[in-house]
Amino acid sequence: LLVVCGLLAGGASLFLNHPLKNSPKEF
């Protein structure tokens, strides 16, 4: 269970992060 939670937490950090949070509104 701990391994699965770790994987889910890692996945969340990879896929649910906001990589463009400091990006200006450019195309």
PDB file of all heavy atoms in Angstrom:
ATOM      1  N   LEU A   1       0.823  -1.206   0.000  1.00  0.00           N
ATOM      2  CA  LEU A   1       0.000   0.000   0.000  1.00  0.00           C
ATOM      3  C   LEU A   1       0.855   1.254   0.000  1.00  0.00           C
ATOM      4  O   LEU A   1       0.569   2.231  -0.719  1.00  0.00           O
ATOM      5  CB  LEU A   1      -0.923  -0.019   1.224  1.00  0.00           C
ATOM      6  CG  LEU A   1      -1.890   1.179   1.366  1.00  0.00           C
ATOM      7  CD1 LEU A   1      -2.834   1.220   0.165  1.00  0.00           C
ATOM      8  CD2 LEU A   1      -2.678   1.072   2.658  1.00  0.00           C
ATOM      9  N   LEU A   2       1.929   1.214   0.778  1.00  0.00           N
ATOM     10  CA  LEU A   2       2.835   2.371   0.830  1.00  0.00           C
ATOM     11  C   LEU A   2       3.511   2.600  -0.521  1.00  0.00           C
ATOM     12  O   LEU A   2       3.694   3.747  -0.959  1.00  0.00           O
ATOM     13  CB  LEU A   2       3.891   2.169   1.918  1.00  0.00           C
ATOM     14  CG  LEU A   2       3.378   2.239   3.368  1.00  0.00           C
ATOM     15  CD1 LEU A   2       4.496   1.848   4.338  1.00  0.00           C
ATOM     16  CD2 LEU A   2       2.858   3.646   3.678  1.00  0.00           C
ATOM     17  N   VAL A   3       3.867   1.499  -1.179  1.00  0.00           N
ATOM     18  CA  VAL A   3       4.490   1.617  -2.500  1.00  0.00           C
ATOM     19  C   VAL A   3       3.516   2.229  -3.496  1.00  0.00           C
ATOM     20  O   VAL A   3       3.863   3.121  -4.273  1.00  0.00           O
ATOM     21  CB  VAL A   3       4.981   0.240  -2.996  1.00  0.00           C
ATOM     22  CG1 VAL A   3       5.398   0.327  -4.470  1.00  0.00           C
ATOM     23  CG2 VAL A   3       6.126  -0.248  -2.141  1.00  0.00           C
ATOM     24  N   VAL A   4       2.271   1.738  -3.485  1.00  0.00           N
ATOM     25  CA  VAL A   4       1.253   2.275  -4.394  1.00  0.00           C
ATOM     26  C   VAL A   4       1.015   3.755  -4.121  1.00  0.00           C
ATOM     27  O   VAL A   4       0.927   4.570  -5.043  1.00  0.00           O
ATOM     28  CB  VAL A   4      -0.069   1.480  -4.253  1.00  0.00           C
ATOM     29  CG1 VAL A   4      -1.197   2.186  -5.001  1.00  0.00           C
ATOM     30  CG2 VAL A   4       0.120   0.055  -4.771  1.00  0.00           C
ATOM     31  N   CYS A   5       0.920   4.097  -2.825  1.00  0.00           N
ATOM     32  CA  CYS A   5       0.710   5.513  -2.470  1.00  0.00           C
ATOM     33  C   CYS A   5       1.883   6.370  -2.944  1.00  0.00           C
ATOM     34  O   CYS A   5       1.696   7.498  -3.420  1.00  0.00           O
ATOM     35  CB  CYS A   5       0.538   5.648  -0.953  1.00  0.00           C
ATOM     36  SG  CYS A   5      -1.023   4.984  -0.335  1.00  0.00           S
ATOM     37  N   GLY A   6       3.084   5.800  -2.810  1.00  0.00           N
ATOM     38  CA  GLY A   6       4.257   6.538  -3.271  1.00  0.00           C
ATOM     39  C   GLY A   6       4.230   6.750  -4.763  1.00  0.00           C
ATOM     40  O   GLY A   6       4.564   7.834  -5.260  1.00  0.00           O
ATOM     41  N   LEU A   7       3.816   5.679  -5.477  1.00  0.00           N
ATOM     42  CA  LEU A   7       3.727   5.801  -6.932  1.00  0.00           C
ATOM     43  C   LEU A   7       2.669   6.833  -7.328  1.00  0.00           C
ATOM     44  O   LEU A   7       2.875   7.637  -8.248  1.00  0.00           O
ATOM     45  CB  LEU A   7       3.403   4.450  -7.558  1.00  0.00           C
ATOM     46  CG  LEU A   7       4.529   3.407  -7.508  1.00  0.00           C
ATOM     47  CD1 LEU A   7       4.021   2.059  -8.014  1.00  0.00           C
ATOM     48  CD2 LEU A   7       5.717   3.877  -8.343  1.00  0.00           C
ATOM     49  N   LEU A   8       1.531   6.793  -6.628  1.00  0.00           N
ATOM     50  CA  LEU A   8       0.463   7.744  -6.930  1.00  0.00           C
ATOM     51  C   LEU A   8       0.904   9.170  -6.632  1.00  0.00           C
ATOM     52  O   LEU A   8       0.617  10.098  -7.382  1.00  0.00           O
ATOM     53  CB  LEU A   8      -0.797   7.400  -6.120  1.00  0.00           C
ATOM     54  CG  LEU A   8      -1.533   6.129  -6.551  1.00  0.00           C
ATOM     55  CD1 LEU A   8      -2.683   5.845  -5.584  1.00  0.00           C
ATOM     56  CD2 LEU A   8      -2.074   6.279  -7.974  1.00  0.00           C
ATOM     57  N   ALA A   9       1.606   9.321  -5.495  1.00  0.00           N
ATOM     58  CA  ALA A   9       2.088  10.659  -5.132  1.00  0.00           C
ATOM     59  C   ALA A   9       3.107  11.154  -6.153  1.00  0.00           C
ATOM     60  O   ALA A   9       3.102  12.319  -6.550  1.00  0.00           O
ATOM     61  CB  ALA A   9       2.709  10.637  -3.743  1.00  0.00           C
ATOM     62  N   GLY A  10       3.986  10.231  -6.598  1.00  0.00           N
ATOM     63  CA  GLY A  10       4.967  10.611  -7.610  1.00  0.00           C
ATOM     64  C   GLY A  10       4.312  10.970  -8.918  1.00  0.00           C
ATOM     65  O   GLY A  10       4.691  11.929  -9.586  1.00  0.00           O
ATOM     66  N   GLY A  11       3.283  10.159  -9.287  1.00  0.00           N
ATOM     67  CA  GLY A  11       2.546  10.452 -10.519  1.00  0.00           C
ATOM     68  C   GLY A  11       1.837  11.786 -10.439  1.00  0.00           C
ATOM     69  O   GLY A  11       1.801  12.552 -11.407  1.00  0.00           O
ATOM     70  N   ALA A  12       1.266  12.056  -9.256  1.00  0.00           N
ATOM     71  CA  ALA A  12       0.564  13.332  -9.079  1.00  0.00           C
ATOM     72  C   ALA A  12       1.519  14.506  -9.224  1.00  0.00           C
ATOM     73  O   ALA A  12       1.204  15.517  -9.835  1.00  0.00           O
ATOM     74  CB  ALA A  12      -0.123  13.362  -7.717  1.00  0.00           C
ATOM     75  N   SER A  13       2.725  14.328  -8.669  1.00  0.00           N
ATOM     76  CA  SER A  13       3.699  15.423  -8.761  1.00  0.00           C
ATOM     77  C   SER A  13       4.163  15.628 -10.197  1.00  0.00           C
ATOM     78  O   SER A  13       4.503  16.737 -10.595  1.00  0.00           O
ATOM     79  CB  SER A  13       4.898  15.140  -7.857  1.00  0.00           C
ATOM     80  OG  SER A  13       5.618  14.001  -8.312  1.00  0.00           O
ATOM     81  N   LEU A  14       4.174  14.529 -10.993  1.00  0.00           N
ATOM     82  CA  LEU A  14       4.604  14.641 -12.382  1.00  0.00           C
ATOM     83  C   LEU A  14       3.506  15.154 -13.301  1.00  0.00           C
ATOM     84  O   LEU A  14       3.745  15.978 -14.172  1.00  0.00           O
ATOM     85  CB  LEU A  14       5.075  13.268 -12.889  1.00  0.00           C
ATOM     86  CG  LEU A  14       6.470  12.808 -12.488  1.00  0.00           C
ATOM     87  CD1 LEU A  14       6.702  11.382 -12.959  1.00  0.00           C
ATOM     88  CD2 LEU A  14       7.531  13.731 -13.065  1.00  0.00           C
ATOM     89  N   PHE A  15       2.289  14.645 -13.094  1.00  0.00           N
ATOM     90  CA  PHE A  15       1.215  14.924 -14.041  1.00  0.00           C
ATOM     91  C   PHE A  15       0.258  16.018 -13.609  1.00  0.00           C
ATOM     92  O   PHE A  15      -0.490  16.552 -14.428  1.00  0.00           O
ATOM     93  CB  PHE A  15       0.415  13.634 -14.317  1.00  0.00           C
ATOM     94  CG  PHE A  15       1.270  12.498 -14.789  1.00  0.00           C
ATOM     95  CD1 PHE A  15       1.066  11.214 -14.322  1.00  0.00           C
ATOM     96  CD2 PHE A  15       2.290  12.719 -15.706  1.00  0.00           C
ATOM     97  CE1 PHE A  15       1.869  10.161 -14.758  1.00  0.00           C
ATOM     98  CE2 PHE A  15       3.092  11.666 -16.152  1.00  0.00           C
ATOM     99  CZ  PHE A  15       2.883  10.392 -15.675  1.00  0.00           C
ATOM    100  N   LEU A  16       0.259  16.352 -12.324  1.00  0.00           N
ATOM    101  CA  LEU A  16      -0.670  17.375 -11.836  1.00  0.00           C
ATOM    102  C   LEU A  16       0.045  18.662 -11.429  1.00  0.00           C
ATOM    103  O   LEU A  16      -0.572  19.565 -10.870  1.00  0.00           O
ATOM    104  CB  LEU A  16      -1.482  16.828 -10.651  1.00  0.00           C
ATOM    105  CG  LEU A  16      -2.323  15.581 -10.936  1.00  0.00           C
ATOM    106  CD1 LEU A  16      -3.093  15.166  -9.689  1.00  0.00           C
ATOM    107  CD2 LEU A  16      -3.290  15.814 -12.098  1.00  0.00           C
ATOM    108  N   ASN A  17       1.339  18.718 -11.722  1.00  0.00           N
ATOM    109  CA  ASN A  17       2.059  19.963 -11.413  1.00  0.00           C
ATOM    110  C   ASN A  17       1.725  21.032 -12.466  1.00  0.00           C
ATOM    111  O   ASN A  17       1.061  20.757 -13.473  1.00  0.00           O
ATOM    112  CB  ASN A  17       3.562  19.716 -11.372  1.00  0.00           C
ATOM    113  CG  ASN A  17       4.133  19.385 -12.742  1.00  0.00           C
ATOM    114  OD1 ASN A  17       3.471  18.728 -13.532  1.00  0.00           O
ATOM    115  ND2 ASN A  17       5.341  19.830 -13.006  1.00  0.00           N
ATOM    116  N   HIS A  18       2.185  22.240 -12.244  1.00  0.00           N
ATOM    117  CA  HIS A  18       1.885  23.359 -13.140  1.00  0.00           C
ATOM    118  C   HIS A  18       3.210  23.888 -13.703  1.00  0.00           C
ATOM    119  O   HIS A  18       3.792  24.831 -13.153  1.00  0.00           O
ATOM    120  CB  HIS A  18       1.126  24.461 -12.403  1.00  0.00           C
ATOM    121  CG  HIS A  18      -0.185  24.005 -11.863  1.00  0.00           C
ATOM    122  ND1 HIS A  18      -0.297  23.309 -10.671  1.00  0.00           N
ATOM    123  CD2 HIS A  18      -1.445  24.120 -12.351  1.00  0.00           C
ATOM    124  CE1 HIS A  18      -1.568  23.033 -10.450  1.00  0.00           C
ATOM    125  NE2 HIS A  18      -2.287  23.500 -11.460  1.00  0.00           N
ATOM    126  N   PRO A  19       3.674  23.313 -14.802  1.00  0.00           N
ATOM    127  CA  PRO A  19       5.003  23.659 -15.330  1.00  0.00           C
ATOM    128  C   PRO A  19       5.106  25.063 -15.914  1.00  0.00           C
ATOM    129  O   PRO A  19       6.202  25.573 -16.102  1.00  0.00           O
ATOM    130  CB  PRO A  19       5.229  22.604 -16.416  1.00  0.00           C
ATOM    131  CG  PRO A  19       3.863  22.214 -16.857  1.00  0.00           C
ATOM    132  CD  PRO A  19       3.025  22.260 -15.605  1.00  0.00           C
ATOM    133  N   LEU A  20       3.980  25.688 -16.202  1.00  0.00           N
ATOM    134  CA  LEU A  20       4.023  27.008 -16.829  1.00  0.00           C
ATOM    135  C   LEU A  20       3.489  28.094 -15.901  1.00  0.00           C
ATOM    136  O   LEU A  20       3.013  29.138 -16.360  1.00  0.00           O
ATOM    137  CB  LEU A  20       3.205  26.999 -18.133  1.00  0.00           C
ATOM    138  CG  LEU A  20       3.619  25.938 -19.160  1.00  0.00           C
ATOM    139  CD1 LEU A  20       2.690  25.978 -20.363  1.00  0.00           C
ATOM    140  CD2 LEU A  20       5.057  26.140 -19.601  1.00  0.00           C
ATOM    141  N   LYS A  21       3.583  27.880 -14.604  1.00  0.00           N
ATOM    142  CA  LYS A  21       2.982  28.837 -13.664  1.00  0.00           C
ATOM    143  C   LYS A  21       3.654  30.201 -13.699  1.00  0.00           C
ATOM    144  O   LYS A  21       3.047  31.212 -13.361  1.00  0.00           O
ATOM    145  CB  LYS A  21       3.019  28.272 -12.249  1.00  0.00           C
ATOM    146  CG  LYS A  21       4.410  27.965 -11.720  1.00  0.00           C
ATOM    147  CD  LYS A  21       4.319  27.317 -10.333  1.00  0.00           C
ATOM    148  CE  LYS A  21       5.683  26.929  -9.800  1.00  0.00           C
ATOM    149  NZ  LYS A  21       5.586  26.276  -8.473  1.00  0.00           N
ATOM    150  N   ASN A  22       4.916  30.240 -14.132  1.00  0.00           N
ATOM    151  CA  ASN A  22       5.609  31.530 -14.216  1.00  0.00           C
ATOM    152  C   ASN A  22       5.707  32.033 -15.655  1.00  0.00           C
ATOM    153  O   ASN A  22       6.430  32.967 -15.952  1.00  0.00           O
ATOM    154  CB  ASN A  22       7.021  31.418 -13.635  1.00  0.00           C
ATOM    155  CG  ASN A  22       6.990  31.130 -12.138  1.00  0.00           C
ATOM    156  OD1 ASN A  22       6.134  31.638 -11.436  1.00  0.00           O
ATOM    157  ND2 ASN A  22       7.913  30.310 -11.680  1.00  0.00           N
ATOM    158  N   SER A  23       4.966  31.379 -16.555  1.00  0.00           N
ATOM    159  CA  SER A  23       5.058  31.730 -17.975  1.00  0.00           C
ATOM    160  C   SER A  23       4.188  32.932 -18.306  1.00  0.00           C
ATOM    161  O   SER A  23       3.043  33.020 -17.883  1.00  0.00           O
ATOM    162  CB  SER A  23       4.607  30.543 -18.826  1.00  0.00           C
ATOM    163  OG  SER A  23       4.476  30.922 -20.174  1.00  0.00           O
ATOM    164  N   PRO A  24       4.726  33.887 -19.078  1.00  0.00           N
ATOM    165  CA  PRO A  24       3.870  34.980 -19.557  1.00  0.00           C
ATOM    166  C   PRO A  24       2.856  34.415 -20.539  1.00  0.00           C
ATOM    167  O   PRO A  24       3.037  33.324 -21.073  1.00  0.00           O
ATOM    168  CB  PRO A  24       4.857  35.921 -20.253  1.00  0.00           C
ATOM    169  CG  PRO A  24       5.991  35.035 -20.655  1.00  0.00           C
ATOM    170  CD  PRO A  24       6.103  33.994 -19.579  1.00  0.00           C
ATOM    171  N   LYS A  25       1.800  35.163 -20.812  1.00  0.00           N
ATOM    172  CA  LYS A  25       0.747  34.655 -21.693  1.00  0.00           C
ATOM    173  C   LYS A  25       1.162  34.802 -23.156  1.00  0.00           C
ATOM    174  O   LYS A  25       0.640  35.629 -23.892  1.00  0.00           O
ATOM    175  CB  LYS A  25      -0.567  35.382 -21.410  1.00  0.00           C
ATOM    176  CG  LYS A  25      -1.172  35.021 -20.073  1.00  0.00           C
ATOM    177  CD  LYS A  25      -2.564  35.589 -19.906  1.00  0.00           C
ATOM    178  CE  LYS A  25      -3.211  35.118 -18.616  1.00  0.00           C
ATOM    179  NZ  LYS A  25      -4.572  35.651 -18.441  1.00  0.00           N
ATOM    180  N   GLU A  26       2.097  33.960 -23.546  1.00  0.00           N
ATOM    181  CA  GLU A  26       2.566  33.943 -24.921  1.00  0.00           C
ATOM    182  C   GLU A  26       2.051  32.698 -25.622  1.00  0.00           C
ATOM    183  O   GLU A  26       1.674  31.717 -24.985  1.00  0.00           O
ATOM    184  CB  GLU A  26       4.095  33.981 -24.963  1.00  0.00           C
ATOM    185  CG  GLU A  26       4.694  35.266 -24.416  1.00  0.00           C
ATOM    186  CD  GLU A  26       6.211  35.257 -24.473  1.00  0.00           C
ATOM    187  OE1 GLU A  26       6.755  34.242 -24.955  1.00  0.00           O
ATOM    188  OE2 GLU A  26       6.826  36.234 -24.037  1.00  0.00           O
ATOM    189  N   PHE A  27       2.070  32.750 -26.953  1.00  0.00           N
ATOM    190  CA  PHE A  27       1.628  31.601 -27.738  1.00  0.00           C
ATOM    191  C   PHE A  27       2.783  30.628 -27.958  1.00  0.00           C
ATOM    192  O   PHE A  27       3.931  31.032 -28.135  1.00  0.00           O
ATOM    193  CB  PHE A  27       1.094  32.051 -29.100  1.00  0.00           C
ATOM    194  CG  PHE A  27      -0.323  32.550 -29.071  1.00  0.00           C
ATOM    195  CD1 PHE A  27      -0.585  33.908 -29.063  1.00  0.00           C
ATOM    196  CD2 PHE A  27      -1.388  31.663 -29.063  1.00  0.00           C
ATOM    197  CE1 PHE A  27      -1.888  34.380 -29.041  1.00  0.00           C
ATOM    198  CE2 PHE A  27      -2.696  32.118 -29.040  1.00  0.00           C
ATOM    199  CZ  PHE A  27      -2.949  33.484 -29.025  1.00  0.00           C
TER     200      PHE A  27
END
